[in-house]
PDB file of N, CA and C in Angstrom:
ATOM      1  N   MET A   1      -9.800  27.834  12.849  1.00  0.00           N
ATOM      2  CA  MET A   1     -10.077  26.454  12.517  1.00  0.00           C
ATOM      3  C   MET A   1     -10.941  26.408  11.257  1.00  0.00           C
ATOM      4  N   THR A   2     -10.580  25.562  10.331  1.00  0.00           N
ATOM      5  CA  THR A   2     -11.298  25.454   9.074  1.00  0.00           C
ATOM      6  C   THR A   2     -12.493  24.518   9.227  1.00  0.00           C
ATOM      7  N   ARG A   3     -13.631  24.984   8.779  1.00  0.00           N
ATOM      8  CA  ARG A   3     -14.827  24.128   8.799  1.00  0.00           C
ATOM      9  C   ARG A   3     -14.828  23.243   7.573  1.00  0.00           C
ATOM     10  N   LEU A   4     -15.177  21.997   7.775  1.00  0.00           N
ATOM     11  CA  LEU A   4     -15.263  21.063   6.661  1.00  0.00           C
ATOM     12  C   LEU A   4     -16.622  21.182   5.999  1.00  0.00           C
ATOM     13  N   THR A   5     -16.640  21.031   4.690  1.00  0.00           N
ATOM     14  CA  THR A   5     -17.910  20.993   3.974  1.00  0.00           C
ATOM     15  C   THR A   5     -18.607  19.680   4.298  1.00  0.00           C
ATOM     16  N   SER A   6     -19.894  19.602   4.016  1.00  0.00           N
ATOM     17  CA  SER A   6     -20.621  18.353   4.269  1.00  0.00           C
ATOM     18  C   SER A   6     -20.033  17.221   3.428  1.00  0.00           C
ATOM     19  N   ARG A   7     -19.564  17.544   2.246  1.00  0.00           N
ATOM     20  CA  ARG A   7     -18.934  16.534   1.387  1.00  0.00           C
ATOM     21  C   ARG A   7     -17.651  15.988   2.034  1.00  0.00           C
ATOM     22  N   GLN A   8     -16.842  16.896   2.601  1.00  0.00           N
ATOM     23  CA  GLN A   8     -15.617  16.473   3.283  1.00  0.00           C
ATOM     24  C   GLN A   8     -15.941  15.652   4.528  1.00  0.00           C
ATOM     25  N   GLN A   9     -16.986  16.045   5.246  1.00  0.00           N
ATOM     26  CA  GLN A   9     -17.388  15.299   6.437  1.00  0.00           C
ATOM     27  C   GLN A   9     -17.812  13.878   6.066  1.00  0.00           C
ATOM     28  N   LEU A  10     -18.574  13.743   4.974  1.00  0.00           N
ATOM     29  CA  LEU A  10     -18.982  12.406   4.523  1.00  0.00           C
ATOM     30  C   LEU A  10     -17.771  11.584   4.096  1.00  0.00           C
ATOM     31  N   GLY A  11     -16.831  12.223   3.417  1.00  0.00           N
ATOM     32  CA  GLY A  11     -15.614  11.528   3.008  1.00  0.00           C
ATOM     33  C   GLY A  11     -14.814  11.046   4.202  1.00  0.00           C
ATOM     34  N   ASN A  12     -14.689  11.890   5.221  1.00  0.00           N
ATOM     35  CA  ASN A  12     -13.987  11.495   6.442  1.00  0.00           C
ATOM     36  C   ASN A  12     -14.693  10.343   7.140  1.00  0.00           C
ATOM     37  N   GLN A  13     -16.021  10.402   7.171  1.00  0.00           N
ATOM     38  CA  GLN A  13     -16.797   9.328   7.786  1.00  0.00           C
ATOM     39  C   GLN A  13     -16.565   8.018   7.029  1.00  0.00           C
ATOM     40  N   ALA A  14     -16.546   8.089   5.709  1.00  0.00           N
ATOM     41  CA  ALA A  14     -16.304   6.894   4.899  1.00  0.00           C
ATOM     42  C   ALA A  14     -14.902   6.340   5.154  1.00  0.00           C
ATOM     43  N   GLU A  15     -13.915   7.205   5.291  1.00  0.00           N
ATOM     44  CA  GLU A  15     -12.552   6.743   5.563  1.00  0.00           C
ATOM     45  C   GLU A  15     -12.458   6.069   6.928  1.00  0.00           C
ATOM     46  N   ARG A  16     -13.126   6.637   7.930  1.00  0.00           N
ATOM     47  CA  ARG A  16     -13.114   6.019   9.267  1.00  0.00           C
ATOM     48  C   ARG A  16     -13.785   4.647   9.241  1.00  0.00           C
ATOM     49  N   MET A  17     -14.915   4.551   8.531  1.00  0.00           N
ATOM     50  CA  MET A  17     -15.618   3.271   8.448  1.00  0.00           C
ATOM     51  C   MET A  17     -14.769   2.252   7.690  1.00  0.00           C
ATOM     52  N   ALA A  18     -14.122   2.675   6.610  1.00  0.00           N
ATOM     53  CA  ALA A  18     -13.260   1.774   5.842  1.00  0.00           C
ATOM     54  C   ALA A  18     -12.133   1.244   6.722  1.00  0.00           C
ATOM     55  N   GLU A  19     -11.544   2.124   7.511  1.00  0.00           N
ATOM     56  CA  GLU A  19     -10.474   1.687   8.418  1.00  0.00           C
ATOM     57  C   GLU A  19     -11.005   0.670   9.425  1.00  0.00           C
ATOM     58  N   GLN A  20     -12.190   0.908   9.977  1.00  0.00           N
ATOM     59  CA  GLN A  20     -12.786  -0.042  10.929  1.00  0.00           C
ATOM     60  C   GLN A  20     -13.000  -1.402  10.280  1.00  0.00           C
ATOM     61  N   ILE A  21     -13.504  -1.397   9.055  1.00  0.00           N
ATOM     62  CA  ILE A  21     -13.753  -2.651   8.337  1.00  0.00           C
ATOM     63  C   ILE A  21     -12.445  -3.415   8.160  1.00  0.00           C
ATOM     64  N   MET A  22     -11.402  -2.708   7.783  1.00  0.00           N
ATOM     65  CA  MET A  22     -10.114  -3.357   7.555  1.00  0.00           C
ATOM     66  C   MET A  22      -9.496  -3.839   8.871  1.00  0.00           C
ATOM     67  N   ARG A  23      -9.644  -3.069   9.932  1.00  0.00           N
ATOM     68  CA  ARG A  23      -9.131  -3.499  11.242  1.00  0.00           C
ATOM     69  C   ARG A  23      -9.838  -4.773  11.701  1.00  0.00           C
ATOM     70  N   LYS A  24     -11.160  -4.824  11.504  1.00  0.00           N
ATOM     71  CA  LYS A  24     -11.913  -6.024  11.891  1.00  0.00           C
ATOM     72  C   LYS A  24     -11.449  -7.244  11.110  1.00  0.00           C
ATOM     73  N   ALA A  25     -10.916  -7.018   9.916  1.00  0.00           N
ATOM     74  CA  ALA A  25     -10.407  -8.117   9.087  1.00  0.00           C
ATOM     75  C   ALA A  25      -8.958  -8.469   9.444  1.00  0.00           C
ATOM     76  N   GLY A  26      -8.398  -7.785  10.441  1.00  0.00           N
ATOM     77  CA  GLY A  26      -7.066  -8.130  10.914  1.00  0.00           C
ATOM     78  C   GLY A  26      -5.934  -7.242  10.428  1.00  0.00           C
ATOM     79  N   LEU A  27      -6.225  -6.215   9.653  1.00  0.00           N
ATOM     80  CA  LEU A  27      -5.180  -5.304   9.192  1.00  0.00           C
ATOM     81  C   LEU A  27      -4.906  -4.257  10.269  1.00  0.00           C
ATOM     82  N   SER A  28      -3.727  -3.681  10.233  1.00  0.00           N
ATOM     83  CA  SER A  28      -3.404  -2.607  11.173  1.00  0.00           C
ATOM     84  C   SER A  28      -3.095  -1.337  10.384  1.00  0.00           C
ATOM     85  N   CYS A  29      -3.425  -0.207  10.986  1.00  0.00           N
ATOM     86  CA  CYS A  29      -3.235   1.078  10.315  1.00  0.00           C
ATOM     87  C   CYS A  29      -1.827   1.601  10.567  1.00  0.00           C
ATOM     88  N   VAL A  30      -1.153   1.971   9.489  1.00  0.00           N
ATOM     89  CA  VAL A  30       0.190   2.540   9.561  1.00  0.00           C
ATOM     90  C   VAL A  30       0.121   4.062   9.414  1.00  0.00           C
ATOM     91  N   ALA A  31      -0.750   4.548   8.524  1.00  0.00           N
ATOM     92  CA  ALA A  31      -0.863   5.995   8.295  1.00  0.00           C
ATOM     93  C   ALA A  31      -2.241   6.328   7.732  1.00  0.00           C
ATOM     94  N   ARG A  32      -2.671   7.564   8.008  1.00  0.00           N
ATOM     95  CA  ARG A  32      -3.931   8.084   7.463  1.00  0.00           C
ATOM     96  C   ARG A  32      -3.627   9.381   6.719  1.00  0.00           C
ATOM     97  N   ASN A  33      -4.265   9.551   5.591  1.00  0.00           N
ATOM     98  CA  ASN A  33      -4.182  10.805   4.825  1.00  0.00           C
ATOM     99  C   ASN A  33      -2.746  11.283   4.622  1.00  0.00           C
ATOM    100  N   TYR A  34      -1.926  10.390   4.097  1.00  0.00           N
ATOM    101  CA  TYR A  34      -0.534  10.733   3.796  1.00  0.00           C
ATOM    102  C   TYR A  34      -0.523  11.594   2.543  1.00  0.00           C
ATOM    103  N   ARG A  35       0.004  12.820   2.673  1.00  0.00           N
ATOM    104  CA  ARG A  35       0.014  13.759   1.547  1.00  0.00           C
ATOM    105  C   ARG A  35       1.438  14.056   1.104  1.00  0.00           C
ATOM    106  N   CYS A  36       1.598  14.145  -0.202  1.00  0.00           N
ATOM    107  CA  CYS A  36       2.867  14.569  -0.797  1.00  0.00           C
ATOM    108  C   CYS A  36       2.523  15.259  -2.116  1.00  0.00           C
ATOM    109  N   ARG A  37       3.524  15.782  -2.805  1.00  0.00           N
ATOM    110  CA  ARG A  37       3.262  16.473  -4.078  1.00  0.00           C
ATOM    111  C   ARG A  37       2.581  15.571  -5.093  1.00  0.00           C
ATOM    112  N   GLN A  38       2.876  14.282  -5.026  1.00  0.00           N
ATOM    113  CA  GLN A  38       2.348  13.343  -6.009  1.00  0.00           C
ATOM    114  C   GLN A  38       0.874  13.015  -5.784  1.00  0.00           C
ATOM    115  N   GLY A  39       0.381  13.210  -4.581  1.00  0.00           N
ATOM    116  CA  GLY A  39      -1.012  12.896  -4.302  1.00  0.00           C
ATOM    117  C   GLY A  39      -1.228  12.581  -2.835  1.00  0.00           C
ATOM    118  N   GLU A  40      -2.316  11.892  -2.550  1.00  0.00           N
ATOM    119  CA  GLU A  40      -2.665  11.541  -1.178  1.00  0.00           C
ATOM    120  C   GLU A  40      -3.031  10.073  -1.106  1.00  0.00           C
ATOM    121  N   LEU A  41      -2.598   9.437  -0.028  1.00  0.00           N
ATOM    122  CA  LEU A  41      -2.994   8.064   0.274  1.00  0.00           C
ATOM    123  C   LEU A  41      -3.979   8.139   1.435  1.00  0.00           C
ATOM    124  N   ASP A  42      -5.210   7.671   1.221  1.00  0.00           N
ATOM    125  CA  ASP A  42      -6.214   7.749   2.280  1.00  0.00           C
ATOM    126  C   ASP A  42      -5.787   6.940   3.495  1.00  0.00           C
ATOM    127  N   LEU A  43      -5.393   5.692   3.254  1.00  0.00           N
ATOM    128  CA  LEU A  43      -4.948   4.812   4.332  1.00  0.00           C
ATOM    129  C   LEU A  43      -3.744   4.013   3.871  1.00  0.00           C
ATOM    130  N   VAL A  44      -2.817   3.796   4.786  1.00  0.00           N
ATOM    131  CA  VAL A  44      -1.734   2.844   4.571  1.00  0.00           C
ATOM    132  C   VAL A  44      -1.900   1.816   5.679  1.00  0.00           C
ATOM    133  N   MET A  45      -2.116   0.570   5.294  1.00  0.00           N
ATOM    134  CA  MET A  45      -2.398  -0.500   6.246  1.00  0.00           C
ATOM    135  C   MET A  45      -1.345  -1.595   6.119  1.00  0.00           C
ATOM    136  N   ARG A  46      -1.300  -2.476   7.115  1.00  0.00           N
ATOM    137  CA  ARG A  46      -0.459  -3.665   7.054  1.00  0.00           C
ATOM    138  C   ARG A  46      -1.368  -4.874   7.116  1.00  0.00           C
ATOM    139  N   ASP A  47      -1.157  -5.796   6.201  1.00  0.00           N
ATOM    140  CA  ASP A  47      -1.865  -7.074   6.180  1.00  0.00           C
ATOM    141  C   ASP A  47      -0.787  -8.140   6.298  1.00  0.00           C
ATOM    142  N   GLY A  48      -0.472  -8.513   7.535  1.00  0.00           N
ATOM    143  CA  GLY A  48       0.671  -9.394   7.747  1.00  0.00           C
ATOM    144  C   GLY A  48       1.936  -8.648   7.363  1.00  0.00           C
ATOM    145  N   ASP A  49       2.670  -9.195   6.404  1.00  0.00           N
ATOM    146  CA  ASP A  49       3.916  -8.579   5.950  1.00  0.00           C
ATOM    147  C   ASP A  49       3.688  -7.595   4.796  1.00  0.00           C
ATOM    148  N   THR A  50       2.476  -7.546   4.273  1.00  0.00           N
ATOM    149  CA  THR A  50       2.164  -6.742   3.087  1.00  0.00           C
ATOM    150  C   THR A  50       1.730  -5.329   3.461  1.00  0.00           C
ATOM    151  N   VAL A  51       2.276  -4.352   2.750  1.00  0.00           N
ATOM    152  CA  VAL A  51       1.853  -2.956   2.894  1.00  0.00           C
ATOM    153  C   VAL A  51       0.690  -2.747   1.924  1.00  0.00           C
ATOM    154  N   VAL A  52      -0.413  -2.232   2.434  1.00  0.00           N
ATOM    155  CA  VAL A  52      -1.619  -2.045   1.628  1.00  0.00           C
ATOM    156  C   VAL A  52      -1.926  -0.549   1.535  1.00  0.00           C
ATOM    157  N   PHE A  53      -1.907  -0.034   0.311  1.00  0.00           N
ATOM    158  CA  PHE A  53      -2.265   1.361   0.055  1.00  0.00           C
ATOM    159  C   PHE A  53      -3.742   1.370  -0.330  1.00  0.00           C
ATOM    160  N   VAL A  54      -4.535   2.139   0.406  1.00  0.00           N
ATOM    161  CA  VAL A  54      -5.991   2.073   0.267  1.00  0.00           C
ATOM    162  C   VAL A  54      -6.553   3.405  -0.205  1.00  0.00           C
ATOM    163  N   GLU A  55      -7.324   3.343  -1.267  1.00  0.00           N
ATOM    164  CA  GLU A  55      -8.091   4.498  -1.744  1.00  0.00           C
ATOM    165  C   GLU A  55      -9.539   4.270  -1.339  1.00  0.00           C
ATOM    166  N   VAL A  56     -10.104   5.216  -0.595  1.00  0.00           N
ATOM    167  CA  VAL A  56     -11.496   5.133  -0.165  1.00  0.00           C
ATOM    168  C   VAL A  56     -12.298   6.091  -1.026  1.00  0.00           C
ATOM    169  N   ARG A  57     -13.324   5.568  -1.681  1.00  0.00           N
ATOM    170  CA  ARG A  57     -14.188   6.398  -2.529  1.00  0.00           C
ATOM    171  C   ARG A  57     -15.612   6.272  -2.033  1.00  0.00           C
ATOM    172  N   TYR A  58     -16.267   7.417  -1.895  1.00  0.00           N
ATOM    173  CA  TYR A  58     -17.650   7.444  -1.436  1.00  0.00           C
ATOM    174  C   TYR A  58     -18.488   8.251  -2.407  1.00  0.00           C
ATOM    175  N   ARG A  59     -19.640   7.712  -2.724  1.00  0.00           N
ATOM    176  CA  ARG A  59     -20.625   8.426  -3.547  1.00  0.00           C
ATOM    177  C   ARG A  59     -21.994   8.260  -2.899  1.00  0.00           C
ATOM    178  N   GLN A  60     -22.692   9.367  -2.728  1.00  0.00           N
ATOM    179  CA  GLN A  60     -24.058   9.280  -2.221  1.00  0.00           C
ATOM    180  C   GLN A  60     -24.956   8.666  -3.279  1.00  0.00           C
ATOM    181  N   GLN A  61     -24.723   9.058  -4.516  1.00  0.00           N
ATOM    182  CA  GLN A  61     -25.515   8.564  -5.640  1.00  0.00           C
ATOM    183  C   GLN A  61     -24.563   8.230  -6.775  1.00  0.00           C
ATOM    184  N   SER A  62     -25.012   7.382  -7.671  1.00  0.00           N
ATOM    185  CA  SER A  62     -24.121   6.952  -8.754  1.00  0.00           C
ATOM    186  C   SER A  62     -24.539   7.513 -10.112  1.00  0.00           C
ATOM    187  N   HIS A  63     -25.082   8.730 -10.118  1.00  0.00           N
ATOM    188  CA  HIS A  63     -25.479   9.348 -11.387  1.00  0.00           C
ATOM    189  C   HIS A  63     -24.305   9.490 -12.341  1.00  0.00           C
ATOM    190  N   TRP A  64     -23.127   9.752 -11.809  1.00  0.00           N
ATOM    191  CA  TRP A  64     -21.940   9.991 -12.626  1.00  0.00           C
ATOM    192  C   TRP A  64     -20.989   8.800 -12.595  1.00  0.00           C
ATOM    193  N   GLY A  65     -21.504   7.623 -12.300  1.00  0.00           N
ATOM    194  CA  GLY A  65     -20.674   6.428 -12.207  1.00  0.00           C
ATOM    195  C   GLY A  65     -20.513   6.006 -10.757  1.00  0.00           C
ATOM    196  N   SER A  66     -20.105   4.772 -10.581  1.00  0.00           N
ATOM    197  CA  SER A  66     -19.972   4.234  -9.231  1.00  0.00           C
ATOM    198  C   SER A  66     -18.716   4.768  -8.554  1.00  0.00           C
ATOM    199  N   ALA A  67     -18.646   4.564  -7.262  1.00  0.00           N
ATOM    200  CA  ALA A  67     -17.463   4.978  -6.506  1.00  0.00           C
ATOM    201  C   ALA A  67     -16.224   4.252  -7.022  1.00  0.00           C
ATOM    202  N   ALA A  68     -16.348   2.964  -7.274  1.00  0.00           N
ATOM    203  CA  ALA A  68     -15.202   2.184  -7.766  1.00  0.00           C
ATOM    204  C   ALA A  68     -14.753   2.669  -9.142  1.00  0.00           C
ATOM    205  N   GLU A  69     -15.704   3.024  -9.996  1.00  0.00           N
ATOM    206  CA  GLU A  69     -15.359   3.492 -11.345  1.00  0.00           C
ATOM    207  C   GLU A  69     -14.598   4.815 -11.321  1.00  0.00           C
ATOM    208  N   SER A  70     -14.723   5.552 -10.237  1.00  0.00           N
ATOM    209  CA  SER A  70     -14.052   6.852 -10.165  1.00  0.00           C
ATOM    210  C   SER A  70     -12.539   6.720  -9.954  1.00  0.00           C
ATOM    211  N   VAL A  71     -12.072   5.516  -9.661  1.00  0.00           N
ATOM    212  CA  VAL A  71     -10.623   5.293  -9.532  1.00  0.00           C
ATOM    213  C   VAL A  71     -10.110   4.911 -10.920  1.00  0.00           C
ATOM    214  N   ASN A  72     -10.006   5.917 -11.771  1.00  0.00           N
ATOM    215  CA  ASN A  72      -9.598   5.699 -13.163  1.00  0.00           C
ATOM    216  C   ASN A  72      -8.078   5.579 -13.270  1.00  0.00           C
ATOM    217  N   ARG A  73      -7.589   5.412 -14.484  1.00  0.00           N
ATOM    218  CA  ARG A  73      -6.154   5.201 -14.696  1.00  0.00           C
ATOM    219  C   ARG A  73      -5.318   6.389 -14.193  1.00  0.00           C
ATOM    220  N   ALA A  74      -5.799   7.600 -14.407  1.00  0.00           N
ATOM    221  CA  ALA A  74      -5.062   8.777 -13.931  1.00  0.00           C
ATOM    222  C   ALA A  74      -4.964   8.778 -12.404  1.00  0.00           C
ATOM    223  N   LYS A  75      -6.057   8.448 -11.725  1.00  0.00           N
ATOM    224  CA  LYS A  75      -6.049   8.380 -10.262  1.00  0.00           C
ATOM    225  C   LYS A  75      -5.111   7.266  -9.801  1.00  0.00           C
ATOM    226  N   GLN A  76      -5.144   6.131 -10.484  1.00  0.00           N
ATOM    227  CA  GLN A  76      -4.253   5.023 -10.143  1.00  0.00           C
ATOM    228  C   GLN A  76      -2.794   5.452 -10.246  1.00  0.00           C
ATOM    229  N   GLN A  77      -2.457   6.188 -11.297  1.00  0.00           N
ATOM    230  CA  GLN A  77      -1.079   6.650 -11.476  1.00  0.00           C
ATOM    231  C   GLN A  77      -0.657   7.571 -10.332  1.00  0.00           C
ATOM    232  N   ARG A  78      -1.557   8.468  -9.907  1.00  0.00           N
ATOM    233  CA  ARG A  78      -1.240   9.357  -8.787  1.00  0.00           C
ATOM    234  C   ARG A  78      -1.041   8.564  -7.492  1.00  0.00           C
ATOM    235  N   LEU A  79      -1.863   7.532  -7.297  1.00  0.00           N
ATOM    236  CA  LEU A  79      -1.725   6.693  -6.104  1.00  0.00           C
ATOM    237  C   LEU A  79      -0.404   5.930  -6.120  1.00  0.00           C
ATOM    238  N   ILE A  80      -0.026   5.430  -7.284  1.00  0.00           N
ATOM    239  CA  ILE A  80       1.249   4.711  -7.416  1.00  0.00           C
ATOM    240  C   ILE A  80       2.410   5.640  -7.086  1.00  0.00           C
ATOM    241  N   LEU A  81       2.382   6.858  -7.618  1.00  0.00           N
ATOM    242  CA  LEU A  81       3.451   7.826  -7.331  1.00  0.00           C
ATOM    243  C   LEU A  81       3.492   8.188  -5.847  1.00  0.00           C
ATOM    244  N   ALA A  82       2.332   8.372  -5.239  1.00  0.00           N
ATOM    245  CA  ALA A  82       2.285   8.686  -3.808  1.00  0.00           C
ATOM    246  C   ALA A  82       2.808   7.510  -2.984  1.00  0.00           C
ATOM    247  N   ALA A  83       2.482   6.290  -3.394  1.00  0.00           N
ATOM    248  CA  ALA A  83       2.972   5.100  -2.687  1.00  0.00           C
ATOM    249  C   ALA A  83       4.489   4.987  -2.810  1.00  0.00           C
ATOM    250  N   GLN A  84       5.019   5.271  -3.986  1.00  0.00           N
ATOM    251  CA  GLN A  84       6.470   5.247  -4.167  1.00  0.00           C
ATOM    252  C   GLN A  84       7.139   6.283  -3.261  1.00  0.00           C
ATOM    253  N   HIS A  85       6.547   7.463  -3.177  1.00  0.00           N
ATOM    254  CA  HIS A  85       7.064   8.513  -2.297  1.00  0.00           C
ATOM    255  C   HIS A  85       7.027   8.039  -0.841  1.00  0.00           C
ATOM    256  N   TYR A  86       5.911   7.434  -0.450  1.00  0.00           N
ATOM    257  CA  TYR A  86       5.774   6.941   0.923  1.00  0.00           C
ATOM    258  C   TYR A  86       6.870   5.925   1.243  1.00  0.00           C
ATOM    259  N   LEU A  87       7.071   4.970   0.343  1.00  0.00           N
ATOM    260  CA  LEU A  87       8.078   3.929   0.581  1.00  0.00           C
ATOM    261  C   LEU A  87       9.488   4.512   0.601  1.00  0.00           C
ATOM    262  N   LEU A  88       9.737   5.506  -0.223  1.00  0.00           N
ATOM    263  CA  LEU A  88      11.043   6.164  -0.239  1.00  0.00           C
ATOM    264  C   LEU A  88      11.345   6.815   1.114  1.00  0.00           C
ATOM    265  N   HIS A  89      10.309   7.352   1.752  1.00  0.00           N
ATOM    266  CA  HIS A  89      10.481   8.033   3.033  1.00  0.00           C
ATOM    267  C   HIS A  89      10.244   7.128   4.243  1.00  0.00           C
ATOM    268  N   HIS A  90       9.898   5.879   3.996  1.00  0.00           N
ATOM    269  CA  HIS A  90       9.714   4.885   5.064  1.00  0.00           C
ATOM    270  C   HIS A  90      10.457   3.613   4.659  1.00  0.00           C
ATOM    271  N   PRO A  91      11.784   3.673   4.665  1.00  0.00           N
ATOM    272  CA  PRO A  91      12.585   2.566   4.126  1.00  0.00           C
ATOM    273  C   PRO A  91      12.383   1.232   4.839  1.00  0.00           C
ATOM    274  N   ARG A  92      11.921   1.241   6.084  1.00  0.00           N
ATOM    275  CA  ARG A  92      11.692  -0.032   6.764  1.00  0.00           C
ATOM    276  C   ARG A  92      10.582  -0.839   6.099  1.00  0.00           C
ATOM    277  N   LEU A  93       9.739  -0.188   5.310  1.00  0.00           N
ATOM    278  CA  LEU A  93       8.650  -0.880   4.609  1.00  0.00           C
ATOM    279  C   LEU A  93       8.952  -1.111   3.129  1.00  0.00           C
ATOM    280  N   ALA A  94      10.044  -0.543   2.649  1.00  0.00           N
ATOM    281  CA  ALA A  94      10.316  -0.516   1.208  1.00  0.00           C
ATOM    282  C   ALA A  94      10.513  -1.896   0.586  1.00  0.00           C
ATOM    283  N   ASN A  95      11.012  -2.864   1.335  1.00  0.00           N
ATOM    284  CA  ASN A  95      11.269  -4.188   0.762  1.00  0.00           C
ATOM    285  C   ASN A  95      10.149  -5.182   1.016  1.00  0.00           C
ATOM    286  N   ARG A  96       9.054  -4.724   1.526  1.00  0.00           N
ATOM    287  CA  ARG A  96       7.912  -5.610   1.786  1.00  0.00           C
ATOM    288  C   ARG A  96       7.003  -5.645   0.553  1.00  0.00           C
ATOM    289  N   PRO A  97       6.267  -6.735   0.403  1.00  0.00           N
ATOM    290  CA  PRO A  97       5.298  -6.755  -0.699  1.00  0.00           C
ATOM    291  C   PRO A  97       4.238  -5.680  -0.464  1.00  0.00           C
ATOM    292  N   CYS A  98       3.673  -5.158  -1.542  1.00  0.00           N
ATOM    293  CA  CYS A  98       2.622  -4.161  -1.387  1.00  0.00           C
ATOM    294  C   CYS A  98       1.514  -4.412  -2.403  1.00  0.00           C
ATOM    295  N   ARG A  99       0.361  -3.830  -2.101  1.00  0.00           N
ATOM    296  CA  ARG A  99      -0.785  -3.934  -3.007  1.00  0.00           C
ATOM    297  C   ARG A  99      -1.631  -2.675  -2.867  1.00  0.00           C
ATOM    298  N   PHE A 100      -2.514  -2.502  -3.856  1.00  0.00           N
ATOM    299  CA  PHE A 100      -3.426  -1.362  -3.865  1.00  0.00           C
ATOM    300  C   PHE A 100      -4.855  -1.885  -3.756  1.00  0.00           C
ATOM    301  N   ASP A 101      -5.548  -1.468  -2.713  1.00  0.00           N
ATOM    302  CA  ASP A 101      -6.943  -1.832  -2.510  1.00  0.00           C
ATOM    303  C   ASP A 101      -7.803  -0.580  -2.671  1.00  0.00           C
ATOM    304  N   VAL A 102      -9.048  -0.806  -3.061  1.00  0.00           N
ATOM    305  CA  VAL A 102     -10.029   0.275  -3.120  1.00  0.00           C
ATOM    306  C   VAL A 102     -11.201  -0.144  -2.249  1.00  0.00           C
ATOM    307  N   ILE A 103     -11.658   0.766  -1.424  1.00  0.00           N
ATOM    308  CA  ILE A 103     -12.904   0.543  -0.697  1.00  0.00           C
ATOM    309  C   ILE A 103     -13.894   1.560  -1.239  1.00  0.00           C
ATOM    310  N   ALA A 104     -14.915   1.043  -1.899  1.00  0.00           N
ATOM    311  CA  ALA A 104     -15.919   1.883  -2.553  1.00  0.00           C
ATOM    312  C   ALA A 104     -17.218   1.796  -1.762  1.00  0.00           C
ATOM    313  N   ALA A 105     -17.773   2.947  -1.434  1.00  0.00           N
ATOM    314  CA  ALA A 105     -19.018   2.999  -0.671  1.00  0.00           C
ATOM    315  C   ALA A 105     -20.025   3.866  -1.408  1.00  0.00           C
ATOM    316  N   GLU A 106     -21.251   3.404  -1.376  1.00  0.00           N
ATOM    317  CA  GLU A 106     -22.346   4.167  -1.983  1.00  0.00           C
ATOM    318  C   GLU A 106     -23.540   4.116  -1.055  1.00  0.00           C
ATOM    319  N   GLY A 107     -24.235   5.244  -0.939  1.00  0.00           N
ATOM    320  CA  GLY A 107     -25.411   5.289  -0.080  1.00  0.00           C
ATOM    321  C   GLY A 107     -25.075   5.808   1.300  1.00  0.00           C
ATOM    322  N   ASP A 108     -25.486   5.075   2.319  1.00  0.00           N
ATOM    323  CA  ASP A 108     -25.331   5.482   3.714  1.00  0.00           C
ATOM    324  C   ASP A 108     -23.908   5.200   4.196  1.00  0.00           C
ATOM    325  N   PRO A 109     -23.112   6.246   4.478  1.00  0.00           N
ATOM    326  CA  PRO A 109     -21.724   6.017   4.878  1.00  0.00           C
ATOM    327  C   PRO A 109     -21.576   5.374   6.253  1.00  0.00           C
ATOM    328  N   SER A 110     -22.645   5.337   7.046  1.00  0.00           N
ATOM    329  CA  SER A 110     -22.564   4.716   8.368  1.00  0.00           C
ATOM    330  C   SER A 110     -22.924   3.234   8.337  1.00  0.00           C
ATOM    331  N   ASN A 111     -23.332   2.730   7.170  1.00  0.00           N
ATOM    332  CA  ASN A 111     -23.742   1.331   7.034  1.00  0.00           C
ATOM    333  C   ASN A 111     -22.612   0.502   6.429  1.00  0.00           C
ATOM    334  N   PRO A 112     -22.004  -0.408   7.204  1.00  0.00           N
ATOM    335  CA  PRO A 112     -20.909  -1.219   6.663  1.00  0.00           C
ATOM    336  C   PRO A 112     -21.306  -2.024   5.424  1.00  0.00           C
ATOM    337  N   ALA A 113     -22.585  -2.336   5.278  1.00  0.00           N
ATOM    338  CA  ALA A 113     -23.032  -3.114   4.118  1.00  0.00           C
ATOM    339  C   ALA A 113     -22.922  -2.330   2.815  1.00  0.00           C
ATOM    340  N   SER A 114     -22.776  -1.015   2.896  1.00  0.00           N
ATOM    341  CA  SER A 114     -22.675  -0.217   1.669  1.00  0.00           C
ATOM    342  C   SER A 114     -21.230  -0.090   1.173  1.00  0.00           C
ATOM    343  N   TYR A 115     -20.309  -0.832   1.801  1.00  0.00           N
ATOM    344  CA  TYR A 115     -18.890  -0.778   1.441  1.00  0.00           C
ATOM    345  C   TYR A 115     -18.482  -2.029   0.676  1.00  0.00           C
ATOM    346  N   ASN A 116     -17.757  -1.819  -0.405  1.00  0.00           N
ATOM    347  CA  ASN A 116     -17.235  -2.909  -1.223  1.00  0.00           C
ATOM    348  C   ASN A 116     -15.711  -2.820  -1.197  1.00  0.00           C
ATOM    349  N   TRP A 117     -15.069  -3.817  -0.620  1.00  0.00           N
ATOM    350  CA  TRP A 117     -13.616  -3.846  -0.493  1.00  0.00           C
ATOM    351  C   TRP A 117     -13.049  -4.613  -1.676  1.00  0.00           C
ATOM    352  N   ILE A 118     -12.326  -3.919  -2.532  1.00  0.00           N
ATOM    353  CA  ILE A 118     -11.731  -4.532  -3.724  1.00  0.00           C
ATOM    354  C   ILE A 118     -10.236  -4.699  -3.454  1.00  0.00           C
ATOM    355  N   ARG A 119      -9.851  -5.922  -3.109  1.00  0.00           N
ATOM    356  CA  ARG A 119      -8.442  -6.214  -2.846  1.00  0.00           C
ATOM    357  C   ARG A 119      -7.691  -6.304  -4.169  1.00  0.00           C
ATOM    358  N   GLU A 120      -6.465  -5.824  -4.160  1.00  0.00           N
ATOM    359  CA  GLU A 120      -5.642  -5.827  -5.375  1.00  0.00           C
ATOM    360  C   GLU A 120      -6.415  -5.221  -6.544  1.00  0.00           C
ATOM    361  N   ALA A 121      -6.981  -4.051  -6.313  1.00  0.00           N
ATOM    362  CA  ALA A 121      -7.823  -3.377  -7.307  1.00  0.00           C
ATOM    363  C   ALA A 121      -7.057  -3.047  -8.579  1.00  0.00           C
ATOM    364  N   PHE A 122      -5.769  -2.759  -8.438  1.00  0.00           N
ATOM    365  CA  PHE A 122      -4.919  -2.498  -9.604  1.00  0.00           C
ATOM    366  C   PHE A 122      -3.478  -2.746  -9.207  1.00  0.00           C
ATOM    367  N   THR A 123      -2.614  -2.831 -10.207  1.00  0.00           N
ATOM    368  CA  THR A 123      -1.194  -3.085  -9.954  1.00  0.00           C
ATOM    369  C   THR A 123      -0.355  -1.981 -10.583  1.00  0.00           C
ATOM    370  N   CYS A 124       0.909  -1.945 -10.199  1.00  0.00           N
ATOM    371  CA  CYS A 124       1.837  -0.942 -10.748  1.00  0.00           C
ATOM    372  C   CYS A 124       2.197  -1.295 -12.177  1.00  0.00           C
TER     373      CYS A 124
END
C-alpha cells in the first residue's frame, strides 16, 4: 500500500470538503479523480441537467500566488481535454450542457469558510 505524502493528504481533504460544499448546494457527484492521458478531473458533478467539471486547488500559503491563480491557461487546456475524453467515454452525458468550476481553498482545509467556489471559472 502506498503512503500518501502530507501534501497529498491535504489535497484529498480539500477535495472531500469541496465535494461536501457542492452536495450541500444541491449538486450530485458523478465521478471523483477521473484520470486519462490528457489529465485528471478532480470531481465531475451534476447541477440539474448540467455536467460540472471541477478543479479543486488548495494552498496552505499564498507565497507563490493564490490557489485560484494556479489554474492557468495550460491547466485549463488540460482540464478541457480531460473533460472531452470523459464525455467521449460517457455518451449519456455528451449532449448535456457543461461548465468548468474551480474551488480554491487557502489556509485550513477543514474550514468551509476557506473555500471559494468560482462557478464558470473558464470556458472552452
